[in-house]
N, C-alpha and C. Protein backbone atom coordinates (compact mmCIF):
# COMPACT_ATOMS: atom_id res chain seq x y z
N UNK A 1 0.82 -1.20 0.06
CA UNK A 1 0.06 -0.09 -0.04
C UNK A 1 0.86 1.20 0.08
N UNK A 2 0.41 2.46 -0.64
CA UNK A 2 1.24 3.61 -0.48
C UNK A 2 1.03 4.30 0.77
N UNK A 3 2.19 4.80 1.30
CA UNK A 3 2.16 5.47 2.57
C UNK A 3 1.42 6.61 2.79
N UNK A 4 1.07 7.56 1.67
CA UNK A 4 0.26 8.63 1.79
C UNK A 4 -1.21 8.31 1.98
N UNK A 5 -1.66 7.00 1.58
CA UNK A 5 -3.15 6.75 1.72
C UNK A 5 -3.50 6.16 3.11
N UNK A 6 -2.24 5.96 3.97
CA UNK A 6 -2.65 5.29 5.33
C UNK A 6 -3.00 6.47 6.36
N UNK A 7 -2.48 7.59 6.21
CA UNK A 7 -2.56 8.57 7.05
C UNK A 7 -3.96 9.05 7.61
N UNK A 8 -4.99 9.20 6.64
CA UNK A 8 -6.37 9.49 7.19
C UNK A 8 -6.77 8.59 8.28
N UNK A 9 -6.42 7.22 8.05
CA UNK A 9 -6.93 6.22 9.02
C UNK A 9 -6.11 6.38 10.29
N UNK A 10 -4.75 6.64 10.14
CA UNK A 10 -3.87 6.80 11.35
C UNK A 10 -4.42 7.91 12.14
N UNK A 11 -4.68 8.95 11.62
CA UNK A 11 -5.06 10.22 12.26
C UNK A 11 -6.54 10.05 12.80
N UNK A 12 -7.30 9.25 12.12
CA UNK A 12 -8.59 8.98 12.85
C UNK A 12 -8.59 8.23 13.92
N UNK A 13 -7.68 7.21 14.00
CA UNK A 13 -7.63 6.37 15.10
C UNK A 13 -6.87 7.07 16.38
N UNK A 14 -5.79 7.92 15.85
CA UNK A 14 -5.25 8.93 16.92
C UNK A 14 -6.11 9.73 17.62
N UNK A 15 -7.14 10.53 16.76
CA UNK A 15 -8.12 11.24 17.23
C UNK A 15 -9.02 10.51 18.42
N UNK A 16 -9.38 9.39 17.92
CA UNK A 16 -10.37 8.57 18.87
C UNK A 16 -9.59 8.33 20.04
N UNK A 17 -8.18 7.97 20.10
CA UNK A 17 -7.57 7.58 21.26
C UNK A 17 -7.64 8.89 22.15
N UNK A 18 -7.23 10.03 21.52
CA UNK A 18 -7.13 11.25 22.25
C UNK A 18 -8.44 11.63 22.84
N UNK A 19 -9.52 11.38 22.08
CA UNK A 19 -10.96 11.65 22.58
C UNK A 19 -11.35 10.86 23.80
N UNK A 20 -10.97 9.60 23.68
CA UNK A 20 -11.11 8.55 24.74
C UNK A 20 -10.40 9.08 26.11
N UNK A 21 -9.10 9.46 25.93
CA UNK A 21 -8.22 9.69 27.07
C UNK A 21 -8.78 11.10 27.59
N UNK A 22 -8.95 12.08 27.00
CA UNK A 22 -9.42 13.22 27.62
C UNK A 22 -10.98 13.15 28.10
N UNK A 23 -11.76 12.31 27.33
CA UNK A 23 -13.17 12.08 28.06
C UNK A 23 -13.14 11.29 29.18
N UNK A 24 -12.32 10.27 29.39
CA UNK A 24 -12.15 9.47 30.71
C UNK A 24 -11.55 10.34 31.71
N UNK A 25 -10.55 11.11 31.29
CA UNK A 25 -9.90 11.96 32.27
C UNK A 25 -10.88 12.90 32.94
N UNK A 26 -11.82 13.71 32.17
CA UNK A 26 -12.67 14.61 32.49
C UNK A 26 -13.77 13.95 33.36
N UNK A 27 -14.11 12.80 33.04
CA UNK A 27 -15.31 12.04 33.66
C UNK A 27 -14.73 11.71 35.16
N UNK A 28 -13.49 11.20 35.18
CA UNK A 28 -13.00 10.84 36.64
C UNK A 28 -12.75 11.96 37.38
N UNK A 29 -12.38 13.03 36.83
CA UNK A 29 -12.15 14.43 37.68
C UNK A 29 -13.39 14.84 38.17
N UNK A 30 -14.58 14.52 37.46
CA UNK A 30 -15.86 15.00 38.12
C UNK A 30 -16.46 14.00 39.07
N UNK A 31 -15.71 12.88 39.45
CA UNK A 31 -16.22 11.85 40.49
C UNK A 31 -15.29 11.89 41.58
N UNK A 32 -15.37 12.44 42.68
CA UNK A 32 -14.51 12.42 43.67
C UNK A 32 -14.11 10.94 44.27
N UNK A 33 -15.04 9.99 44.28
CA UNK A 33 -14.71 8.63 44.71
C UNK A 33 -13.83 8.11 43.88
N UNK A 34 -13.90 8.30 42.47
CA UNK A 34 -12.97 7.56 41.60
C UNK A 34 -11.66 8.28 41.76
N UNK A 35 -11.48 9.62 41.91
CA UNK A 35 -10.31 10.30 42.06
C UNK A 35 -9.50 9.74 43.32
N UNK A 36 -10.35 9.60 44.32
CA UNK A 36 -9.73 9.01 45.74
C UNK A 36 -9.11 7.69 45.37
N UNK A 37 -9.95 6.66 44.82
CA UNK A 37 -9.56 5.41 44.65
C UNK A 37 -8.29 5.28 43.90
N UNK A 38 -8.01 6.19 42.80
CA UNK A 38 -7.12 6.14 41.96
C UNK A 38 -5.77 6.74 42.59
N UNK A 39 -5.78 7.82 43.10
CA UNK A 39 -4.67 8.60 43.53
C UNK A 39 -4.38 8.46 45.09
N UNK A 40 -5.23 8.01 45.79
CA UNK A 40 -4.97 7.76 47.18
C UNK A 40 -4.77 6.30 47.61
N UNK A 41 -4.77 5.41 46.72
CA UNK A 41 -4.49 3.98 47.10
C UNK A 41 -3.53 3.45 46.07
N UNK A 42 -3.24 2.22 46.03
CA UNK A 42 -2.33 1.61 45.09
C UNK A 42 -2.81 1.28 43.84
N UNK A 43 -4.10 1.60 43.47
CA UNK A 43 -4.58 1.47 42.23
C UNK A 43 -3.91 2.12 41.30
N UNK A 44 -3.48 3.45 41.43
CA UNK A 44 -2.72 4.13 40.46
C UNK A 44 -1.54 3.44 39.87
N UNK A 45 -0.68 2.67 40.75
CA UNK A 45 0.38 2.07 40.20
C UNK A 45 0.06 0.76 39.49
N UNK A 46 -1.07 0.19 39.95
CA UNK A 46 -1.57 -0.97 39.14
C UNK A 46 -1.91 -0.60 37.77
N UNK A 47 -2.66 0.50 37.59
CA UNK A 47 -3.18 1.16 36.30
C UNK A 47 -1.79 1.38 35.57
N UNK A 48 -0.81 2.06 36.02
CA UNK A 48 0.50 2.46 35.40
C UNK A 48 1.11 1.00 34.76
N UNK A 49 1.17 0.06 35.73
CA UNK A 49 1.89 -1.22 35.23
C UNK A 49 1.18 -1.81 34.03
N UNK A 50 -0.24 -1.94 34.09
CA UNK A 50 -0.99 -2.36 33.22
C UNK A 50 -0.71 -1.60 31.77
N UNK A 51 -0.84 -0.17 32.04
CA UNK A 51 -0.55 0.51 30.68
C UNK A 51 0.78 0.26 30.17
N UNK A 52 1.79 0.12 30.98
CA UNK A 52 3.16 -0.18 30.32
C UNK A 52 3.06 -1.55 29.63
N UNK A 53 2.33 -2.53 30.40
CA UNK A 53 2.31 -3.70 29.73
C UNK A 53 1.52 -3.78 28.37
N UNK A 54 0.45 -3.00 28.38
CA UNK A 54 -0.30 -3.06 27.08
C UNK A 54 0.35 -2.46 26.01
N UNK A 55 1.08 -1.31 26.11
CA UNK A 55 1.81 -0.63 25.10
C UNK A 55 3.00 -1.52 24.56
N UNK A 56 3.67 -2.21 25.52
CA UNK A 56 4.73 -2.88 25.11
C UNK A 56 4.37 -4.23 24.38
N UNK A 57 3.20 -4.84 24.67
CA UNK A 57 2.50 -6.05 24.20
C UNK A 57 2.16 -5.64 22.76
N UNK A 58 1.36 -4.44 22.70
CA UNK A 58 0.87 -4.08 21.45
C UNK A 58 2.02 -3.80 20.38
N UNK A 59 2.89 -3.04 20.75
CA UNK A 59 4.01 -2.72 19.97
C UNK A 59 4.93 -3.87 19.40
N UNK A 60 5.03 -4.69 20.37
CA UNK A 60 5.88 -5.94 20.00
C UNK A 60 5.22 -7.12 19.32
N UNK A 61 4.07 -7.19 19.45
CA UNK A 61 3.24 -8.40 18.91
C UNK A 61 2.22 -7.99 17.94
N UNK A 62 2.14 -6.85 17.49
CA UNK A 62 1.06 -6.45 16.50
C UNK A 62 1.18 -7.21 15.14
N UNK A 63 2.28 -7.53 14.69
CA UNK A 63 2.39 -8.30 13.41
C UNK A 63 1.77 -9.56 13.60
N UNK A 64 1.65 -10.32 14.97
CA UNK A 64 1.16 -11.58 14.97
C UNK A 64 -0.22 -11.65 15.50
N UNK A 65 -0.79 -10.55 16.14
CA UNK A 65 -2.13 -10.46 16.55
C UNK A 65 -3.14 -10.20 15.47
N UNK A 66 -4.27 -10.53 15.96
CA UNK A 66 -5.39 -10.04 15.02
C UNK A 66 -5.72 -8.62 14.98
N UNK A 67 -6.33 -8.18 13.91
CA UNK A 67 -6.66 -6.65 13.78
C UNK A 67 -7.47 -6.20 14.77
N UNK A 68 -8.65 -7.11 15.23
CA UNK A 68 -9.57 -6.64 16.46
C UNK A 68 -8.94 -6.60 17.71
N UNK A 69 -7.83 -7.55 18.02
CA UNK A 69 -7.17 -7.48 19.25
C UNK A 69 -6.23 -6.25 19.28
N UNK A 70 -5.52 -5.94 18.18
CA UNK A 70 -4.81 -4.45 18.12
C UNK A 70 -5.69 -3.36 18.45
N UNK A 71 -6.91 -3.35 17.74
CA UNK A 71 -7.73 -2.31 17.95
C UNK A 71 -8.22 -2.24 19.49
N UNK A 72 -8.61 -3.28 20.01
CA UNK A 72 -9.18 -3.39 21.47
C UNK A 72 -7.84 -2.84 22.26
N UNK A 73 -6.79 -3.35 22.21
CA UNK A 73 -5.66 -2.79 23.00
C UNK A 73 -5.20 -1.37 22.92
N UNK A 74 -5.49 -0.84 21.66
CA UNK A 74 -5.07 0.50 21.63
C UNK A 74 -6.28 1.39 22.38
N UNK A 75 -7.43 0.86 22.25
CA UNK A 75 -8.51 1.66 22.87
C UNK A 75 -8.52 1.45 24.43
N UNK A 76 -7.95 0.33 24.79
CA UNK A 76 -7.74 -0.03 26.23
C UNK A 76 -6.74 0.82 26.84
N UNK A 77 -5.65 1.08 26.09
CA UNK A 77 -4.54 1.94 26.48
C UNK A 77 -4.92 3.29 26.61
N UNK A 78 -5.75 3.78 25.75
CA UNK A 78 -6.29 5.10 25.66
C UNK A 78 -7.13 5.46 26.85
N UNK A 79 -8.00 4.37 27.11
CA UNK A 79 -8.83 4.52 28.47
C UNK A 79 -8.08 4.53 29.65
N UNK A 80 -7.03 3.66 29.89
CA UNK A 80 -6.27 3.60 30.89
C UNK A 80 -5.44 4.89 31.18
N UNK A 81 -4.87 5.44 30.21
CA UNK A 81 -4.21 6.68 30.15
C UNK A 81 -5.29 7.72 30.62
N UNK A 82 -6.36 7.78 30.28
CA UNK A 82 -7.36 8.77 30.78
C UNK A 82 -7.54 8.59 32.34
N UNK A 83 -7.44 7.48 32.86
CA UNK A 83 -7.63 7.30 34.20
C UNK A 83 -6.52 8.15 34.97
N UNK A 84 -5.34 8.04 34.59
CA UNK A 84 -4.17 8.59 35.14
C UNK A 84 -4.12 10.16 34.77
N UNK A 85 -4.67 10.36 33.60
CA UNK A 85 -4.66 11.80 32.85
C UNK A 85 -5.55 12.68 33.72
N UNK A 86 -6.52 12.09 34.39
CA UNK A 86 -7.48 12.99 35.22
C UNK A 86 -6.92 13.95 36.12
N UNK A 87 -5.65 13.61 36.56
CA UNK A 87 -4.98 14.57 37.62
C UNK A 87 -4.85 15.92 37.06
N UNK A 88 -4.68 16.09 35.65
CA UNK A 88 -4.35 17.38 35.22
C UNK A 88 -5.62 18.26 35.21
N UNK A 89 -6.73 17.74 35.16
CA UNK A 89 -7.91 18.44 35.28
C UNK A 89 -8.12 18.96 36.77
N UNK A 90 -7.53 18.33 37.73
CA UNK A 90 -7.53 18.71 39.08
C UNK A 90 -6.49 19.88 39.33
N UNK A 91 -5.23 19.67 38.72
CA UNK A 91 -4.13 20.52 39.09
C UNK A 91 -4.18 21.73 38.32
N UNK A 92 -4.63 21.69 37.00
CA UNK A 92 -4.47 22.84 36.05
C UNK A 92 -6.09 23.45 35.74
N UNK A 93 -5.92 24.67 35.49
CA UNK A 93 -7.22 25.37 35.05
C UNK A 93 -7.74 24.92 33.67
N UNK A 94 -9.00 24.70 33.38
CA UNK A 94 -9.41 24.13 32.27
C UNK A 94 -8.98 25.04 31.00
N UNK A 95 -9.18 26.43 31.17
CA UNK A 95 -8.84 27.34 30.17
C UNK A 95 -7.22 27.13 29.88
N UNK A 96 -6.48 26.83 30.71
CA UNK A 96 -5.07 26.48 30.57
C UNK A 96 -4.75 25.30 29.75
N UNK A 97 -5.64 24.33 30.19
CA UNK A 97 -5.31 23.04 29.46
C UNK A 97 -5.80 23.17 28.11
N UNK A 98 -6.92 23.90 27.71
CA UNK A 98 -7.36 23.86 26.28
C UNK A 98 -6.13 24.76 25.61
N UNK A 99 -5.68 25.99 26.07
CA UNK A 99 -4.68 26.67 25.50
C UNK A 99 -3.52 25.90 25.09
N UNK A 100 -3.03 25.06 26.07
CA UNK A 100 -1.89 24.26 25.84
C UNK A 100 -2.08 23.18 24.87
N UNK A 101 -3.34 22.76 24.88
CA UNK A 101 -3.88 21.65 23.91
C UNK A 101 -3.60 22.37 22.46
N UNK A 102 -4.13 23.60 22.23
CA UNK A 102 -4.06 24.17 21.07
C UNK A 102 -2.59 24.43 20.61
N UNK A 103 -1.75 24.76 21.55
CA UNK A 103 -0.39 24.92 21.23
C UNK A 103 0.31 23.50 20.66
N UNK A 104 0.00 22.54 21.52
CA UNK A 104 0.40 21.25 21.36
C UNK A 104 0.07 20.78 19.72
N UNK A 105 -1.24 21.01 19.48
CA UNK A 105 -1.70 20.55 18.27
C UNK A 105 -0.94 21.43 17.04
N UNK A 106 -0.65 22.59 17.23
CA UNK A 106 0.06 23.46 16.35
C UNK A 106 1.41 22.95 16.01
N UNK A 107 2.11 22.77 17.24
CA UNK A 107 3.54 22.11 17.09
C UNK A 107 3.62 20.81 16.43
N UNK A 108 2.58 19.86 16.81
CA UNK A 108 2.53 18.69 16.46
C UNK A 108 2.20 18.58 14.89
N UNK A 109 1.37 19.45 14.42
CA UNK A 109 0.99 19.66 12.91
C UNK A 109 2.19 19.96 12.00
N UNK A 110 3.00 21.00 12.63
CA UNK A 110 4.10 21.55 12.15
C UNK A 110 5.18 20.35 11.84
N UNK A 111 5.68 19.75 12.91
CA UNK A 111 6.60 18.62 12.88
C UNK A 111 6.01 17.38 12.16
N UNK A 112 4.87 17.13 12.07
CA UNK A 112 4.12 16.06 11.38
C UNK A 112 4.42 16.25 9.94
N UNK A 113 4.22 17.52 9.54
CA UNK A 113 4.35 17.94 8.18
C UNK A 113 5.92 17.99 7.69
N UNK A 114 6.82 18.14 8.66
CA UNK A 114 8.17 18.14 8.25
C UNK A 114 8.46 16.49 8.11
N UNK A 115 8.04 15.80 8.93
CA UNK A 115 8.34 14.27 8.78
C UNK A 115 7.92 13.71 7.58
N UNK A 116 6.70 14.10 7.27
CA UNK A 116 5.93 13.77 6.00
C UNK A 116 6.58 14.07 4.73
N UNK A 117 6.98 15.39 4.67
CA UNK A 117 7.42 16.04 3.35
C UNK A 117 8.92 15.98 3.10
N UNK A 118 9.71 15.84 4.28
CA UNK A 118 11.19 16.11 4.09
C UNK A 118 11.86 14.72 3.40
N UNK A 119 12.88 15.11 2.63
CA UNK A 119 13.64 13.97 1.77
C UNK A 119 14.62 13.55 2.64
N UNK A 120 14.92 14.17 3.78
CA UNK A 120 16.10 13.60 4.68
C UNK A 120 15.55 12.37 5.42
N UNK A 121 16.64 11.45 5.40
CA UNK A 121 16.49 10.02 6.04
C UNK A 121 16.49 10.38 7.56
N UNK A 122 15.29 10.37 8.21
CA UNK A 122 15.21 10.71 9.69
C UNK A 122 15.59 9.48 10.47
N UNK A 123 15.62 8.15 9.87
CA UNK A 123 15.89 7.08 10.52
C UNK A 123 17.28 7.10 11.49
N UNK A 124 18.17 7.87 10.93
CA UNK A 124 19.44 7.82 11.61
C UNK A 124 19.46 8.77 13.03
N UNK A 125 18.47 9.43 13.06
CA UNK A 125 18.15 10.27 14.32
C UNK A 125 17.49 9.45 15.47
N UNK A 126 16.89 8.14 15.00
CA UNK A 126 16.17 7.50 16.06
C UNK A 126 16.94 7.04 17.16
N UNK A 127 18.15 6.68 17.07
CA UNK A 127 19.05 6.29 18.20
C UNK A 127 19.42 7.34 19.17
N UNK A 128 19.56 8.72 18.47
CA UNK A 128 19.71 9.76 19.33
C UNK A 128 18.60 10.26 20.20
N UNK A 129 17.38 10.11 19.54
CA UNK A 129 16.12 10.53 20.25
C UNK A 129 15.84 9.46 21.31
N UNK A 130 16.12 8.14 21.09
CA UNK A 130 16.04 7.14 22.13
C UNK A 130 16.94 7.50 23.40
N UNK A 131 18.21 7.81 23.08
CA UNK A 131 19.15 8.02 24.01
C UNK A 131 18.84 9.32 24.83
N UNK A 132 18.13 10.45 24.31
CA UNK A 132 17.83 11.48 24.91
C UNK A 132 16.53 11.23 25.82
N UNK A 133 15.76 10.38 25.23
CA UNK A 133 14.40 9.98 25.99
C UNK A 133 14.88 9.00 27.34
N UNK A 134 15.81 8.22 27.14
CA UNK A 134 16.22 7.46 28.21
C UNK A 134 16.92 8.37 29.34
N UNK A 135 17.79 9.37 28.78
CA UNK A 135 18.33 10.06 29.72
C UNK A 135 17.54 11.07 30.63
N UNK A 136 16.24 11.53 29.85
CA UNK A 136 15.31 12.27 30.67
C UNK A 136 14.61 11.51 31.60
N UNK A 137 14.28 10.28 31.22
CA UNK A 137 13.56 9.22 32.16
C UNK A 137 14.50 8.98 33.54
N UNK A 138 15.87 8.83 33.37
CA UNK A 138 16.73 8.36 34.24
C UNK A 138 16.96 9.63 35.24
N UNK A 139 17.20 10.81 34.68
CA UNK A 139 17.39 12.19 35.43
C UNK A 139 16.16 12.45 36.15
N UNK A 140 15.04 12.24 35.59
CA UNK A 140 13.61 12.56 36.20
C UNK A 140 13.42 11.79 37.40
N UNK A 141 13.88 10.51 37.44
CA UNK A 141 13.74 9.56 38.66
C UNK A 141 14.70 10.08 39.58
N UNK A 142 15.88 10.47 39.31
CA UNK A 142 16.75 11.06 40.21
C UNK A 142 16.23 12.19 40.86
N UNK A 143 15.72 12.99 40.17
CA UNK A 143 15.22 14.46 40.58
C UNK A 143 14.03 14.17 41.44
N UNK A 144 13.30 13.15 41.43
CA UNK A 144 12.27 12.86 42.42
C UNK A 144 12.77 12.97 43.89
N UNK A 145 14.07 12.43 43.80
CA UNK A 145 14.59 12.42 45.31
C UNK A 145 15.35 13.92 45.44
N UNK A 146 15.87 14.54 44.48
CA UNK A 146 16.49 15.70 44.67
C UNK A 146 15.48 16.90 44.85
N UNK A 147 14.58 16.82 43.95
CA UNK A 147 13.45 17.88 43.98
C UNK A 147 14.08 19.31 43.63
N UNK A 148 14.79 19.36 42.44
CA UNK A 148 15.37 20.67 41.97
C UNK A 148 14.46 21.03 40.78
N UNK A 149 13.82 22.19 41.07
CA UNK A 149 12.85 22.86 40.26
C UNK A 149 13.36 23.20 38.86
N UNK A 150 14.70 23.81 38.93
CA UNK A 150 15.42 24.19 37.66
C UNK A 150 15.66 22.97 36.94
N UNK A 151 16.20 21.83 37.50
CA UNK A 151 16.49 20.84 36.67
C UNK A 151 15.20 20.26 36.08
N UNK A 152 13.93 20.23 36.66
CA UNK A 152 12.74 19.84 36.12
C UNK A 152 12.36 20.67 35.11
N UNK A 153 12.55 22.07 35.08
CA UNK A 153 12.30 22.91 33.97
C UNK A 153 13.27 22.60 32.80
N UNK A 154 14.49 22.24 32.97
CA UNK A 154 15.33 22.02 31.90
C UNK A 154 14.97 20.56 31.16
N UNK A 155 14.36 19.69 32.01
CA UNK A 155 14.06 18.39 31.56
C UNK A 155 12.72 18.39 30.65
N UNK A 156 11.92 19.50 31.12
CA UNK A 156 10.66 19.75 30.35
C UNK A 156 10.94 20.30 29.05
N UNK A 157 11.95 21.27 28.88
CA UNK A 157 12.32 21.97 27.69
C UNK A 157 13.03 20.99 26.67
N UNK A 158 13.84 19.97 27.35
CA UNK A 158 14.56 18.93 26.47
C UNK A 158 13.46 18.02 26.03
N UNK A 159 12.42 17.64 26.94
CA UNK A 159 11.38 16.89 26.40
C UNK A 159 10.54 17.31 25.23
N UNK A 160 10.37 18.57 25.24
CA UNK A 160 9.60 19.08 24.20
C UNK A 160 10.28 18.91 22.81
N UNK A 161 11.64 19.23 22.84
CA UNK A 161 12.47 19.06 21.65
C UNK A 161 12.51 17.51 21.40
N UNK A 162 12.72 16.63 22.16
CA UNK A 162 12.73 15.23 22.07
C UNK A 162 11.39 14.70 21.33
N UNK A 163 10.25 15.16 21.76
CA UNK A 163 8.92 14.74 21.42
C UNK A 163 8.54 15.42 19.96
N UNK A 164 8.94 16.54 19.58
CA UNK A 164 8.73 17.17 18.34
C UNK A 164 9.56 16.42 17.43
N UNK A 165 10.76 16.01 17.70
CA UNK A 165 11.71 15.11 16.94
C UNK A 165 11.00 13.89 16.65
N UNK A 166 10.50 13.20 17.71
CA UNK A 166 9.82 11.87 17.41
C UNK A 166 8.61 12.07 16.61
N UNK A 167 7.92 13.16 16.69
CA UNK A 167 6.87 13.33 15.72
C UNK A 167 7.13 13.23 14.25
N UNK A 168 8.25 14.01 14.00
CA UNK A 168 8.59 13.91 12.64
C UNK A 168 9.14 12.60 12.31
N UNK A 169 9.90 12.04 13.08
CA UNK A 169 10.56 10.61 12.99
C UNK A 169 9.51 9.60 12.65
N UNK A 170 8.48 9.69 13.54
CA UNK A 170 7.48 8.69 13.48
C UNK A 170 6.61 8.79 12.25
N UNK A 171 6.27 9.98 11.78
CA UNK A 171 5.63 10.22 10.45
C UNK A 171 6.45 9.52 9.24
N UNK A 172 7.64 9.66 9.28
CA UNK A 172 8.46 9.15 8.14
C UNK A 172 8.36 7.58 8.32
N UNK A 173 8.61 7.09 9.62
CA UNK A 173 8.62 5.65 9.97
C UNK A 173 7.19 4.99 9.60
N UNK A 174 5.96 5.64 9.79
CA UNK A 174 4.78 5.07 9.33
C UNK A 174 4.64 4.90 7.83
N UNK A 175 5.44 5.88 7.03
CA UNK A 175 5.32 5.66 5.65
C UNK A 175 5.87 4.51 5.25
N UNK A 176 6.98 4.11 5.92
CA UNK A 176 7.87 2.77 5.71
C UNK A 176 7.03 1.67 6.11
N UNK A 177 6.46 1.68 7.17
CA UNK A 177 5.50 0.64 7.64
C UNK A 177 4.47 0.22 6.71
N UNK A 178 3.81 1.39 6.12
CA UNK A 178 2.91 1.04 4.99
C UNK A 178 3.26 0.29 3.89
N UNK A 179 4.54 0.43 3.68
CA UNK A 179 5.11 -0.23 2.42
C UNK A 179 5.59 -1.73 2.83
N UNK A 180 5.87 -1.90 4.04
CA UNK A 180 6.35 -3.20 4.54
C UNK A 180 5.44 -4.08 5.17
N UNK A 181 4.39 -3.46 5.89
CA UNK A 181 3.35 -4.46 6.51
C UNK A 181 2.18 -4.72 5.59
N UNK A 182 1.51 -5.79 5.62
CA UNK A 182 0.57 -6.39 4.78
C UNK A 182 -0.85 -5.74 5.36
N UNK A 183 -1.04 -5.71 6.60
CA UNK A 183 -2.31 -5.21 7.02
C UNK A 183 -2.44 -3.78 7.24
N UNK A 184 -3.31 -3.10 6.38
CA UNK A 184 -3.40 -1.68 6.52
C UNK A 184 -4.09 -1.20 7.74
N UNK A 185 -4.86 -1.97 8.28
CA UNK A 185 -5.56 -1.77 9.71
C UNK A 185 -4.35 -1.70 10.67
N UNK A 186 -3.53 -2.72 10.68
CA UNK A 186 -2.42 -2.69 11.82
C UNK A 186 -1.46 -1.50 11.63
N UNK A 187 -1.20 -1.20 10.52
CA UNK A 187 -0.45 -0.02 10.15
C UNK A 187 -1.11 1.25 10.81
N UNK A 188 -2.40 1.38 10.58
CA UNK A 188 -2.99 2.48 10.98
C UNK A 188 -3.08 2.53 12.61
N UNK A 189 -3.14 1.20 13.24
CA UNK A 189 -3.16 1.20 14.72
C UNK A 189 -1.79 1.43 15.30
N UNK A 190 -0.76 0.93 14.91
CA UNK A 190 0.47 1.16 15.41
C UNK A 190 0.92 2.44 14.99
N UNK A 191 0.64 3.14 14.02
CA UNK A 191 0.95 4.44 13.70
C UNK A 191 0.17 5.48 14.52
N UNK A 192 -1.03 5.20 14.70
CA UNK A 192 -1.91 6.05 15.73
C UNK A 192 -1.47 6.01 17.10
N UNK A 193 -1.01 4.82 17.60
CA UNK A 193 -0.38 4.73 18.79
C UNK A 193 1.00 5.47 19.06
N UNK A 194 1.71 5.43 18.09
CA UNK A 194 3.06 6.13 18.17
C UNK A 194 2.91 7.73 18.15
N UNK A 195 2.01 8.14 17.13
CA UNK A 195 1.71 9.61 17.19
C UNK A 195 0.86 10.10 18.47
N UNK A 196 -0.02 9.18 18.77
CA UNK A 196 -0.68 9.53 20.05
C UNK A 196 0.29 9.67 21.27
N UNK A 197 1.28 8.73 21.44
CA UNK A 197 2.14 8.96 22.41
C UNK A 197 3.03 10.13 22.29
N UNK A 198 3.53 10.47 21.00
CA UNK A 198 4.17 11.74 20.83
C UNK A 198 3.38 12.88 21.43
N UNK A 199 2.03 12.96 20.89
CA UNK A 199 1.06 14.15 21.21
C UNK A 199 1.04 14.28 22.89
N UNK A 200 0.74 13.07 23.45
CA UNK A 200 0.46 13.13 24.82
C UNK A 200 1.65 13.66 25.61
N UNK A 201 2.80 13.12 25.26
CA UNK A 201 3.96 13.46 25.99
C UNK A 201 4.41 14.86 25.76
N UNK A 202 4.18 15.38 24.53
CA UNK A 202 4.45 16.82 24.23
C UNK A 202 3.48 17.74 25.01
N UNK A 203 2.07 17.22 24.91
CA UNK A 203 1.15 18.11 25.78
C UNK A 203 1.67 18.24 27.08
N UNK A 204 1.98 16.99 27.84
CA UNK A 204 2.27 17.13 29.23
C UNK A 204 3.46 18.05 29.48
N UNK A 205 4.35 18.00 28.84
CA UNK A 205 5.70 18.81 28.94
C UNK A 205 5.31 20.32 28.73
N UNK A 206 4.52 20.57 27.71
CA UNK A 206 4.16 21.90 27.51
C UNK A 206 3.22 22.40 28.63
N UNK A 207 2.40 21.57 29.18
CA UNK A 207 1.33 21.87 30.27
C UNK A 207 2.35 22.33 31.57
N UNK A 208 3.39 21.51 31.72
CA UNK A 208 4.15 21.87 32.77
C UNK A 208 4.88 23.24 32.65
N UNK A 209 5.18 23.48 31.45
CA UNK A 209 5.86 24.78 31.17
C UNK A 209 5.05 26.00 31.21
N UNK A 210 3.81 26.03 30.65
CA UNK A 210 2.85 27.03 30.31
C UNK A 210 1.50 26.87 31.08
N UNK A 211 1.28 25.83 31.72
CA UNK A 211 0.02 25.58 32.25
C UNK A 211 -0.25 26.51 33.63
N UNK A 212 -1.60 27.07 33.90
CA UNK A 212 -1.82 27.76 35.07
C UNK A 212 -2.42 26.63 36.03
N UNK A 213 -1.77 26.55 37.31
CA UNK A 213 -2.39 25.65 38.37
C UNK A 213 -3.61 26.31 39.04
N UNK A 214 -4.38 25.56 39.66
CA UNK A 214 -5.63 26.08 40.20
C UNK A 214 -5.29 26.54 41.63
N UNK A 215 -3.93 26.45 42.14
CA UNK A 215 -3.60 26.96 43.56
C UNK A 215 -3.45 28.48 43.48
């Protein structure tokens, strides 16, 4: 199949995933009992572990699983993310969330277009992006114990750069997947998952930088 024909389906599924995540998050925020059960008990960590398991399983096994299974796992991951995502509606003002969402969408669109139209081979940047991402994760874990606000700000800024880079990288990668994978639906799902992750992570870092808290 041609790479340019798969993107309408990729973005459709990505939009569905984002809609589920934000919808579930907003619903949980309006329910005090659910908020308490998720964030004041060990349920949060159970959800987090299941999230990681689902995304790893989907990414690693999509070639061997049925199309319906891939779809269900993607929707499940979107819903689970919404459960943990609900905290942003508690911490940040709604107007601020909407503003940052618009900024994220604009940045995402710009770098998605770059990834789609560029003639530069972006695959060589994949290793550098992964190394930068691992570095962010490791330093962020260390900073939990240090509690350095300046370091947290620097990590957010680097994170923005990493995920706009991943957006362009993944767009080009999806074009290659469309050529090499037989199932158009599976390409749409895995492509939607990767762009969904780019968007969510970019959004969260921009929210940390520009969001207005309710305090």
